[in-house]
Amino acid sequence: MTLADQMLSDVSTVFLNTDEHAGTYTYTAPRTGTTSSVVGVWDIDETPNLEVTRGLENILTGKLLVDEAETIKKDGSFSINGETWQVESVGGENVGMRTIVLTRQVVSHRGNGDNFR
């Protein structure tokens, strides 16, 4: 078995194993509203990075790593930990996985960016 074959095998048996690193998230397709379960690795800190602040509105960014075979469209959305995240971009295949960049808008009641949970 080559290193590339081993890495592709590890995508499902290690990285996308819900008993290990991954979770199951609900994806909603744009236009049709069809939902499906997608296994992926949510790549974000406990306190998400604050990317942009627009007045009282904060834009948070995260990444979801999924199997390259998943069909994810820009403008779709994911439900992650009870919050709705919008698909901003869908990356290309990389060692059997695909990176999905997600954003979420949150209103800060104080306007100073520290009330985004």
Foldseek 3Di string as FASTA:
>chain_A
DDPLVVLLVCVVVPQQDCVHAKDWKWKQAPPVRDIDIFIWHKAADPDFDFDDADQQKTKGKTKTKGFQPDDHDAQIWIQDPNAIWGFHDWAHDDSRIIITMTMDMAGHPVRPPPPRD
